[in-house]
Protein backbone atom coordinates (compact mmCIF):
# COMPACT_ATOMS: atom_id res chain seq x y z
CA MET A 1 -37.19 -16.52 -7.72
CA LEU A 2 -34.84 -18.53 -10.20
CA GLU A 3 -36.13 -21.16 -12.22
CA VAL A 4 -33.85 -22.32 -15.35
CA LYS A 5 -35.89 -24.75 -17.28
CA ASN A 6 -34.27 -27.42 -19.74
CA LEU A 7 -31.15 -25.08 -20.69
CA THR A 8 -28.63 -25.95 -23.65
CA LYS A 9 -26.25 -23.64 -24.94
CA ARG A 10 -23.77 -24.38 -27.70
CA TYR A 11 -20.90 -22.37 -29.29
CA GLY A 12 -20.39 -23.90 -32.74
CA SER A 13 -20.03 -27.82 -32.49
CA LYS A 14 -19.60 -27.51 -28.56
CA LEU A 15 -22.40 -28.18 -26.41
CA ALA A 16 -21.19 -26.10 -23.62
CA VAL A 17 -24.47 -26.33 -21.45
CA SER A 18 -26.89 -29.23 -21.93
CA ASP A 19 -30.33 -29.63 -20.49
CA VAL A 20 -29.72 -27.98 -17.68
CA SER A 21 -32.41 -27.17 -15.33
CA LEU A 22 -32.50 -25.75 -11.84
CA LYS A 23 -34.16 -23.52 -9.21
CA VAL A 24 -33.13 -21.15 -6.86
CA GLU A 25 -35.55 -19.85 -4.24
CA ALA A 26 -35.53 -16.43 -2.03
CA GLY A 27 -33.39 -16.50 0.96
CA GLN A 28 -31.21 -19.23 -0.58
CA ILE A 29 -27.31 -19.32 -1.09
CA THR A 30 -27.05 -21.39 -3.84
CA ALA A 31 -23.21 -22.35 -4.61
CA PHE A 32 -22.59 -23.43 -8.32
CA ILE A 33 -19.45 -25.74 -8.55
CA GLY A 34 -17.62 -27.48 -11.09
CA HIS A 35 -14.67 -28.25 -12.95
CA ASN A 36 -13.26 -25.20 -15.57
CA GLY A 37 -15.10 -24.98 -18.47
CA ALA A 38 -17.93 -27.73 -16.79
CA GLY A 39 -20.41 -24.80 -17.71
CA LYS A 40 -20.33 -22.32 -14.84
CA THR A 41 -20.01 -19.20 -16.49
CA THR A 42 -22.12 -20.27 -19.22
CA THR A 43 -25.16 -20.72 -17.29
CA LEU A 44 -24.60 -17.36 -15.48
CA LYS A 45 -24.13 -15.41 -18.14
CA ALA A 46 -27.48 -16.65 -20.25
CA ILE A 47 -29.11 -16.33 -16.51
CA ALA A 48 -27.88 -13.02 -17.08
CA GLY A 49 -29.36 -12.03 -20.06
CA ILE A 50 -25.80 -11.39 -21.65
CA ILE A 51 -25.51 -14.69 -24.04
CA ASP A 52 -28.78 -16.08 -25.86
CA PHE A 53 -28.93 -19.90 -25.28
CA ASP A 54 -30.51 -22.41 -27.73
CA GLU A 55 -33.25 -24.26 -26.18
CA GLY A 56 -34.90 -23.95 -22.66
CA GLU A 57 -36.42 -20.98 -20.31
CA ILE A 58 -34.96 -19.13 -17.64
CA TYR A 59 -37.59 -16.95 -15.45
CA VAL A 60 -36.29 -14.43 -12.92
CA ASP A 61 -39.18 -13.80 -10.33
CA GLY A 62 -41.55 -15.13 -13.01
CA LYS A 63 -40.24 -13.19 -15.91
CA SER A 64 -38.70 -14.78 -18.68
CA VAL A 65 -34.99 -13.73 -19.30
CA ARG A 66 -35.95 -14.71 -23.24
CA GLU A 67 -38.98 -12.95 -23.58
CA ASN A 68 -39.07 -9.96 -20.80
CA SER A 69 -35.89 -9.66 -20.79
CA TYR A 70 -35.63 -5.55 -19.99
CA LYS A 71 -37.85 -6.44 -16.39
CA ALA A 72 -36.04 -9.58 -15.73
CA LYS A 73 -32.65 -7.89 -16.11
CA PHE A 74 -33.55 -5.04 -13.23
CA ASP A 75 -33.88 -8.27 -10.92
CA ILE A 76 -30.80 -9.02 -11.78
CA GLY A 77 -27.02 -8.28 -10.25
CA TYR A 78 -24.19 -10.03 -12.02
CA LEU A 79 -20.55 -10.12 -10.96
CA PRO A 80 -18.28 -11.66 -13.77
CA ASP A 81 -15.09 -13.17 -12.48
CA ASN A 82 -13.14 -10.24 -14.17
CA PRO A 83 -15.42 -7.24 -14.41
CA ASP A 84 -14.82 -4.68 -16.53
CA LEU A 85 -15.65 -1.07 -15.12
CA TYR A 86 -15.16 2.36 -16.43
CA GLU A 87 -11.57 3.36 -15.63
CA THR A 88 -11.95 7.03 -16.96
CA LEU A 89 -14.43 7.20 -14.26
CA LYS A 90 -14.31 7.92 -10.21
CA GLY A 91 -15.44 5.26 -8.16
CA ILE A 92 -18.52 7.23 -6.58
CA GLU A 93 -19.09 8.07 -10.55
CA TYR A 94 -19.40 4.54 -11.90
CA LEU A 95 -21.85 3.64 -8.30
CA ASN A 96 -23.68 6.70 -9.25
CA PHE A 97 -24.53 5.78 -13.10
CA ILE A 98 -25.20 2.29 -12.07
CA ALA A 99 -27.97 3.88 -9.45
CA ASP A 100 -29.01 6.15 -12.03
CA VAL A 101 -29.54 2.83 -14.35
CA PHE A 102 -31.60 1.56 -12.06
CA TYR A 103 -33.49 4.44 -10.49
CA VAL A 104 -32.38 4.04 -6.83
CA ASP A 105 -33.34 7.23 -4.88
CA GLU A 106 -30.92 9.40 -4.31
CA THR A 107 -31.14 9.41 -0.07
CA VAL A 108 -31.45 5.53 -0.39
CA ARG A 109 -28.13 5.21 -3.09
CA LYS A 110 -26.03 7.96 -0.64
CA GLU A 111 -27.08 5.40 2.44
CA ARG A 112 -26.14 2.41 0.72
CA ILE A 113 -23.38 3.68 -0.99
CA GLU A 114 -21.75 4.91 2.63
CA THR A 115 -23.04 1.83 4.56
CA TYR A 116 -21.54 -0.88 2.51
CA GLY A 117 -19.05 1.33 0.81
CA ARG A 118 -17.27 1.37 4.77
CA ARG A 119 -17.97 -2.11 5.46
CA LEU A 120 -16.23 -3.32 1.99
CA GLN A 121 -13.26 -0.65 3.01
CA ILE A 122 -13.88 1.22 -0.15
CA PHE A 123 -15.42 4.35 0.99
CA SER A 124 -12.09 6.63 1.32
CA ASP A 125 -11.30 5.38 -2.42
CA LEU A 126 -14.18 6.03 -4.26
CA ASN A 127 -13.29 9.76 -5.13
CA SER A 128 -10.38 8.27 -6.71
CA PRO A 129 -10.38 7.51 -10.47
CA ILE A 130 -10.92 3.69 -11.09
CA SER A 131 -7.78 3.42 -13.33
CA THR A 132 -5.98 3.65 -9.96
CA TYR A 133 -7.53 0.59 -8.12
CA SER A 134 -5.81 -2.19 -7.01
CA HIS A 135 -7.78 -5.81 -8.76
CA GLY A 136 -8.57 -6.19 -5.35
CA MET A 137 -10.41 -2.64 -4.97
CA LYS A 138 -12.09 -3.33 -8.59
CA GLN A 139 -13.63 -6.28 -7.35
CA LYS A 140 -15.17 -4.24 -4.09
CA LEU A 141 -16.47 -1.14 -6.49
CA ALA A 142 -18.37 -4.16 -8.50
CA ILE A 143 -19.90 -5.66 -5.51
CA LEU A 144 -20.75 -2.08 -4.05
CA SER A 145 -22.35 -1.13 -7.62
CA LEU A 146 -24.91 -4.02 -6.85
CA LEU A 147 -25.43 -3.45 -3.58
CA VAL A 148 -26.67 0.00 -4.36
CA HIS A 149 -29.50 -1.14 -6.21
CA LYS A 150 -30.65 -4.19 -4.25
CA PRO A 151 -31.40 -7.26 -6.88
CA LYS A 152 -33.49 -9.83 -6.17
CA LEU A 153 -31.21 -12.26 -7.71
CA TYR A 154 -27.36 -11.98 -7.24
CA LEU A 155 -25.16 -13.93 -9.89
CA PHE A 156 -21.68 -14.03 -8.63
CA ASP A 157 -18.64 -15.56 -10.54
CA GLU A 158 -16.02 -16.66 -8.36
CA PRO A 159 -16.45 -13.17 -6.18
CA PHE A 160 -13.90 -13.62 -3.41
CA VAL A 161 -10.90 -13.65 -5.87
CA GLY A 162 -8.67 -10.10 -5.09
CA LEU A 163 -10.41 -9.75 -1.50
CA ASP A 164 -8.42 -9.67 1.32
CA PRO A 165 -9.29 -11.83 4.61
CA VAL A 166 -11.28 -8.76 6.32
CA THR A 167 -13.38 -8.17 3.35
CA SER A 168 -13.64 -11.82 2.62
CA HIS A 169 -15.11 -12.22 5.86
CA GLU A 170 -17.32 -9.14 5.91
CA PHE A 171 -18.97 -10.00 2.52
CA LYS A 172 -19.78 -13.35 3.43
CA GLU A 173 -21.90 -11.60 6.13
CA ILE A 174 -23.89 -8.70 3.87
CA MET A 175 -24.63 -12.25 1.14
CA LYS A 176 -25.98 -13.63 4.47
CA GLU A 177 -27.73 -10.45 4.98
CA VAL A 178 -29.39 -9.84 1.80
CA CYS A 179 -30.70 -13.18 1.60
CA LEU A 180 -32.48 -12.43 4.89
CA GLU A 181 -34.12 -9.60 3.73
CA GLY A 182 -35.48 -11.85 0.56
CA SER A 183 -33.19 -12.07 -2.06
CA ALA A 184 -31.20 -15.10 -3.35
CA ILE A 185 -27.65 -16.11 -4.38
CA LEU A 186 -26.66 -17.79 -7.19
CA PHE A 187 -22.46 -18.02 -7.32
CA SER A 188 -19.73 -20.15 -8.57
CA THR A 189 -16.84 -20.77 -6.54
CA HIS A 190 -13.59 -23.19 -6.65
CA VAL A 191 -13.26 -22.48 -2.96
CA LEU A 192 -15.10 -25.72 -1.39
CA GLU A 193 -14.63 -25.14 2.14
CA VAL A 194 -16.21 -21.54 1.41
CA ALA A 195 -19.13 -23.29 -0.27
CA GLU A 196 -19.50 -25.71 2.43
CA LYS A 197 -19.29 -23.59 5.25
CA LEU A 198 -21.53 -20.69 3.94
CA CYS A 199 -23.83 -21.93 1.52
CA THR A 200 -27.62 -23.48 2.25
CA HIS A 201 -27.78 -25.25 -1.05
CA VAL A 202 -25.77 -26.51 -3.64
CA ILE A 203 -25.40 -27.19 -7.56
CA ILE A 204 -23.01 -30.03 -9.13
CA ILE A 205 -21.87 -29.61 -12.85
CA LYS A 206 -20.02 -31.13 -15.04
CA ASN A 207 -19.28 -31.26 -18.71
CA GLY A 208 -22.16 -29.01 -19.00
CA LYS A 209 -24.67 -31.56 -17.00
CA ILE A 210 -26.20 -31.00 -13.29
CA MET A 211 -24.53 -33.77 -11.44
CA GLY A 212 -26.86 -33.02 -8.45
CA GLN A 213 -28.43 -30.42 -6.30
CA GLY A 214 -30.61 -29.26 -3.61
CA GLU A 215 -29.68 -28.90 0.05
CA MET A 216 -26.22 -28.59 1.07
CA LYS A 217 -26.51 -31.02 3.91
CA LYS A 218 -28.84 -33.57 1.97
CA VAL A 219 -26.23 -33.63 -1.10
CA LYS A 220 -23.09 -34.10 0.23
CA GLY A 221 -24.44 -36.31 3.57
CA ASN A 222 -22.01 -37.20 5.42
CA LYS A 223 -19.15 -36.61 3.37
CA SER A 224 -17.20 -33.05 3.00
CA LEU A 225 -18.47 -31.09 -0.41
CA GLU A 226 -14.58 -31.82 -1.65
CA SER A 227 -14.90 -35.28 -1.48
CA LEU A 228 -18.47 -35.25 -3.00
CA PHE A 229 -16.50 -33.31 -5.65
CA LEU A 230 -13.39 -35.12 -5.83
CA GLU A 231 -15.62 -38.90 -6.36
CA LEU A 232 -18.52 -37.01 -8.99
CA GLU A 233 -15.10 -35.98 -11.07
CA LYS A 234 -14.02 -39.24 -11.39
CA SER A 235 -16.81 -40.83 -12.57
CA GLU A 236 -18.18 -41.47 -15.90
């Protein structure tokens, strides 16, 4: 589903990501973990086609993000760590806008908005202006906007920030469901306990370089993910 080959990204003289290669297959929930400034957000933005990169290739369902950006982006749903929404719109207007962009059938969008809106506990607030939403409600709306068009690849940057415990639990169940339907998820998080319990796979990045990746059980072995991560952080 996702293949990144030798990705390198510089910001001036700073090397943000260096020769990163990774894979995420359909059906996998993959945690992307690393310290602040490790290169997680840069990598996610490059995959989403939001920023250009200096070297390497990125393929989403066989489509090059660089050479065939338009078609590749139709298979991607990206949730940044602080989503910017059109606050003058009502929640339902924003969702219909996203559905129009991705050519989602009216019957399908209505069903998805109600189903996932109720599960994320935001359906009753969709006729209110986004400007009146709390941070948590905006996060729910942003997540719901991705579920409206059901991409093949979900990219989440710290998706649980601002979610209450009930919604957080329901969102985890939804993540599992969309992967069972054939999608793939790559998400960054600092909550390692959640990553260890939820994810089938893990990718660890440090100072812009991949330190380890693969099936969660194989990568962490007999250690907890937190213990492994702390060991790698202390190593040179």
